[in-house]
Amino acid sequence: MSRRFVVLDRDGTIIAERHYLSDPDQVELLPGAAEGLRRMAVLRLGLIVVTNQSGVARGYFDLERVDEIHRRMRTLLAAERVILDGIYICPHGPDEDCECRKPRPGLILEAAAKFHFEPRECFVIGDKPCDIELGQAISATTILVRTGYGAEHEAAGTIKPDHTADDLRAAAELIAPLARSGK
């Protein structure tokens, strides 16, 4: 059996939501994020981030700045003993009709090819409809976190995740029995 993976949104899920984050100094881990990710890693789950970064297409910042933000996030996570297996970004705008922009599965399929995992066996976690729709597109288990915009979307009732959790710490608690049982 191949290793299972957790596919995570970045902004509002792992780090604090900042409208078009462009300053690495503003990267801040959300409460419970590192603890939850560490718990998932102990369960032998791979951890990848899939993030839409249309600010690149809009000219707000470039790919080098995105890399700086990701280096800062990785540094903060490493200080908490969390190592990500990969970060995948879509730099395109919403109207570019690319295959990599969530909720389309292009980036998960790329990661699955690299790490040899079955996409439908993933846990997909995020705070927005596109995250949940991405998980649903590959028949994965979806978890809406109430951090970032998650609580607003939950209250609006516009999306139907498999599970809802307060944060990544609570998401890890939900995942633990599912990962052990193979569901």
Foldseek 3Di string as FASTA:
>chain_A
DAAEAAEEEQDQAQFDHDPLDQDLVRTHGDPLNLVLQVLCVVLVHAYEYEYERCCCVVVVHHPVSVVSNVVSSQVVSVVSVHHHPYYHYHNHDPPPPDQRDFPRQPVVVVVCVVRVDQLLLYEFEEQDQSRQSNNVVSNHQYEHECTDNNVVCVVVVPDDGNYYYPGSNRVSVVCVVCSVVSD
